[in-house]
Amino acid sequence: MRTLVAAALVSALCAPVAIAREFVATEADFQCVKEWPKPEGHKARIFNRSKRRLKKAIRVLLKGKKGLRYPIGTIIELVPPNPRLHLFGEVSVKRGGKFNREGNGWEFFVIDARPDGSTVILKRGGPEVANIGIPCQTCHSAAKDFDFVCESEHGCIPLNLSAEGIAALQNLDPRCPAAP
């Protein structure tokens, strides 16, 4: 009987750890990027529901060293959707678990904004997801040593957008509440 009680207790204590090993994003997880941190010297916005994991994700981004890994649940968005400009957003989410092992557990998304300001997921998945014809993972694989996160010096194909252009698109995110 003691063994059964001990086993039940161990299972109950381990359950939250098992849940934390994979994060499956929903449309509600993609909100106004202006509310997410934008670490100094970087263009991307970064988020994690867990404040502790968000701090770790920001440290990984700021250090920019080979071999560092982002925590599960990290969401990175560079360019938000903008229906007026016919522009879809692209988001990377560290899903973890057994998902997309060749992509270090990253899930790629193509998103758009609804008229009510919410997000709609158009595409999601691993190496098969593409927005402008090139699979997301194809470009991001150049940054494999940096946990598939593209930065200026990580070997990815550069976007044809300046830092100012990216900041302007982030400031025009249609998912953000209108200023009073």
Protein backbone atom coordinates (compact mmCIF):
# COMPACT_ATOMS: atom_id res chain seq x y z
CA MET A 1 0.00 0.00 0.00
CA ARG A 2 2.83 2.40 0.86
CA THR A 3 4.37 1.69 -2.53
CA LEU A 4 1.13 2.62 -4.29
CA VAL A 5 0.81 5.84 -2.29
CA ALA A 6 4.45 6.73 -3.00
CA ALA A 7 4.02 5.98 -6.71
CA ALA A 8 0.88 8.13 -6.86
CA LEU A 9 2.66 10.98 -5.08
CA VAL A 10 5.64 10.81 -7.43
CA SER A 11 3.32 10.75 -10.46
CA ALA A 12 1.39 13.74 -9.18
CA LEU A 13 4.57 15.72 -8.53
CA CYS A 14 6.04 14.84 -11.93
CA ALA A 15 2.89 15.69 -13.93
CA PRO A 16 3.58 19.45 -14.10
CA VAL A 17 7.12 18.73 -15.32
CA ALA A 18 5.79 16.49 -18.09
CA ILE A 19 3.33 19.18 -19.17
CA ALA A 20 6.12 21.77 -19.31
CA ARG A 21 8.12 19.65 -21.78
CA GLU A 22 5.88 20.63 -24.69
CA PHE A 23 4.05 23.86 -25.43
CA VAL A 24 1.28 23.88 -28.01
CA ALA A 25 0.50 27.46 -28.98
CA THR A 26 -3.01 28.65 -29.75
CA GLU A 27 -4.23 31.74 -31.59
CA ALA A 28 -4.68 33.46 -28.22
CA ASP A 29 -0.90 33.24 -27.62
CA PHE A 30 -0.20 35.60 -30.53
CA GLN A 31 -1.13 39.07 -29.40
CA CYS A 32 0.05 42.65 -29.83
CA VAL A 33 3.83 42.47 -30.26
CA LYS A 34 4.27 45.94 -28.79
CA GLU A 35 3.39 44.40 -25.41
CA TRP A 36 6.29 41.93 -25.67
CA PRO A 37 9.88 42.76 -24.75
CA LYS A 38 12.24 43.87 -27.49
CA PRO A 39 15.74 43.34 -26.06
CA GLU A 40 18.22 46.14 -26.61
CA GLY A 41 20.05 45.81 -29.92
CA HIS A 42 17.57 43.29 -31.37
CA LYS A 43 14.67 43.60 -33.77
CA ALA A 44 12.54 40.65 -32.67
CA ARG A 45 9.90 40.64 -29.99
CA ILE A 46 10.03 37.75 -27.54
CA PHE A 47 7.52 36.25 -25.13
CA ASN A 48 6.98 33.34 -22.78
CA ARG A 49 4.01 32.86 -20.42
CA SER A 50 6.44 31.96 -17.64
CA LYS A 51 8.26 35.04 -16.35
CA ARG A 52 11.23 32.88 -15.35
CA ARG A 53 11.46 31.33 -18.82
CA LEU A 54 10.99 34.73 -20.46
CA LYS A 55 13.99 36.05 -18.53
CA LYS A 56 16.02 33.04 -19.67
CA ALA A 57 14.90 33.49 -23.29
CA ILE A 58 15.95 37.15 -23.21
CA ARG A 59 19.35 36.16 -21.75
CA VAL A 60 19.84 33.61 -24.54
CA LEU A 61 18.96 36.20 -27.18
CA LEU A 62 21.20 38.87 -25.64
CA LYS A 63 24.19 36.53 -25.27
CA GLY A 64 23.89 35.25 -28.84
CA LYS A 65 26.33 32.40 -28.19
CA LYS A 66 26.50 29.09 -29.99
CA GLY A 67 24.98 26.17 -28.14
CA LEU A 68 22.52 28.11 -25.98
CA ARG A 69 18.90 26.92 -26.14
CA TYR A 70 15.66 28.80 -25.70
CA PRO A 71 13.22 27.50 -23.09
CA ILE A 72 10.07 25.70 -24.16
CA GLY A 73 7.18 28.10 -24.63
CA THR A 74 9.33 30.88 -26.08
CA ILE A 75 7.58 32.82 -28.84
CA ILE A 76 9.62 34.98 -31.21
CA GLU A 77 7.96 37.31 -33.69
CA LEU A 78 9.77 39.75 -35.93
CA VAL A 79 7.12 41.00 -38.35
CA PRO A 80 3.46 40.97 -37.31
CA PRO A 81 0.64 40.50 -39.80
CA ASN A 82 -0.78 43.54 -41.56
CA PRO A 83 -3.85 42.84 -43.71
CA ARG A 84 -3.86 46.40 -45.10
CA LEU A 85 -0.40 45.78 -46.53
CA HIS A 86 -1.26 42.18 -47.54
CA LEU A 87 1.47 41.01 -45.19
CA PHE A 88 1.28 37.79 -43.21
CA GLY A 89 3.17 37.50 -39.95
CA GLU A 90 5.70 34.79 -39.19
CA VAL A 91 6.25 33.41 -35.71
CA SER A 92 8.58 30.79 -34.22
CA VAL A 93 7.48 28.93 -31.11
CA LYS A 94 9.73 26.62 -29.08
CA ARG A 95 7.26 23.75 -28.77
CA GLY A 96 9.71 21.15 -27.51
CA GLY A 97 8.79 17.59 -26.74
CA LYS A 98 9.18 15.24 -29.67
CA PHE A 99 7.99 17.87 -32.13
CA ASN A 100 10.27 18.70 -35.09
CA ARG A 101 13.45 17.20 -33.70
CA GLU A 102 15.45 18.19 -36.79
CA GLY A 103 14.36 21.78 -36.05
CA ASN A 104 15.26 21.65 -32.35
CA GLY A 105 11.61 21.58 -31.30
CA TRP A 106 10.61 24.80 -33.07
CA GLU A 107 7.18 25.16 -34.61
CA PHE A 108 6.75 27.72 -37.38
CA PHE A 109 3.59 29.74 -37.96
CA VAL A 110 2.16 31.96 -40.66
CA ILE A 111 -0.47 34.20 -39.10
CA ASP A 112 -2.90 36.94 -40.03
CA ALA A 113 -5.05 39.39 -38.09
CA ARG A 114 -8.84 39.33 -38.02
CA PRO A 115 -10.80 42.60 -38.18
CA ASP A 116 -11.53 42.27 -34.43
CA GLY A 117 -7.78 42.34 -33.67
CA SER A 118 -7.38 38.66 -32.87
CA THR A 119 -4.93 36.36 -34.59
CA VAL A 120 -5.77 33.59 -37.05
CA ILE A 121 -3.26 30.81 -37.69
CA LEU A 122 -2.97 30.18 -41.43
CA LYS A 123 -0.21 27.57 -41.30
CA ARG A 124 1.66 25.79 -38.55
CA GLY A 125 4.14 22.96 -38.37
CA GLY A 126 7.76 22.06 -38.87
CA PRO A 127 9.91 21.96 -41.99
CA GLU A 128 6.91 22.02 -44.34
CA VAL A 129 5.68 25.51 -43.34
CA ALA A 130 6.46 28.26 -45.85
CA ASN A 131 5.21 31.81 -46.20
CA ILE A 132 6.84 33.33 -49.26
CA GLY A 133 7.71 30.07 -50.98
CA ILE A 134 10.76 29.14 -48.90
CA PRO A 135 10.15 26.87 -45.90
CA CYS A 136 10.83 28.73 -42.66
CA GLN A 137 13.07 25.97 -41.38
CA THR A 138 15.23 26.12 -44.52
CA CYS A 139 16.27 29.67 -43.70
CA HIS A 140 16.44 29.11 -39.96
CA SER A 141 18.64 26.02 -40.34
CA ALA A 142 21.54 28.34 -41.13
CA ALA A 143 21.31 29.35 -37.46
CA LYS A 144 21.26 25.76 -36.18
CA ASP A 145 24.14 26.50 -33.77
CA PHE A 146 22.04 29.34 -32.33
CA ASP A 147 18.94 27.20 -31.74
CA PHE A 148 17.49 28.11 -35.15
CA VAL A 149 17.02 31.78 -34.24
CA CYS A 150 18.13 34.09 -37.04
CA GLU A 151 20.05 37.20 -36.18
CA SER A 152 22.27 39.43 -38.31
CA GLU A 153 25.38 37.30 -37.76
CA HIS A 154 23.81 33.83 -37.60
CA GLY A 155 24.08 33.02 -41.31
CA CYS A 156 20.40 33.30 -42.29
CA ILE A 157 19.29 34.94 -45.51
CA PRO A 158 18.84 38.61 -44.63
CA LEU A 159 15.35 40.06 -44.87
CA ASN A 160 14.85 42.98 -47.16
CA LEU A 161 13.70 45.12 -44.22
CA SER A 162 15.66 47.67 -42.23
CA ALA A 163 15.49 47.84 -38.45
CA GLU A 164 13.39 51.00 -38.86
CA GLY A 165 11.00 49.22 -41.25
CA ILE A 166 10.57 46.31 -38.85
CA ALA A 167 9.94 48.71 -35.94
CA ALA A 168 7.34 50.57 -38.04
CA LEU A 169 5.53 47.31 -38.87
CA GLN A 170 5.59 46.31 -35.20
CA ASN A 171 4.13 49.69 -34.25
CA LEU A 172 1.34 49.16 -36.83
CA ASP A 173 0.39 45.72 -35.46
CA PRO A 174 -3.40 45.59 -36.01
CA ARG A 175 -3.77 43.30 -32.97
CA CYS A 176 -2.79 46.14 -30.65
CA PRO A 177 -5.49 48.21 -28.96
CA ALA A 178 -6.03 51.59 -30.58
CA ALA A 179 -4.46 54.48 -28.70
CA PRO A 180 -7.03 56.59 -26.81
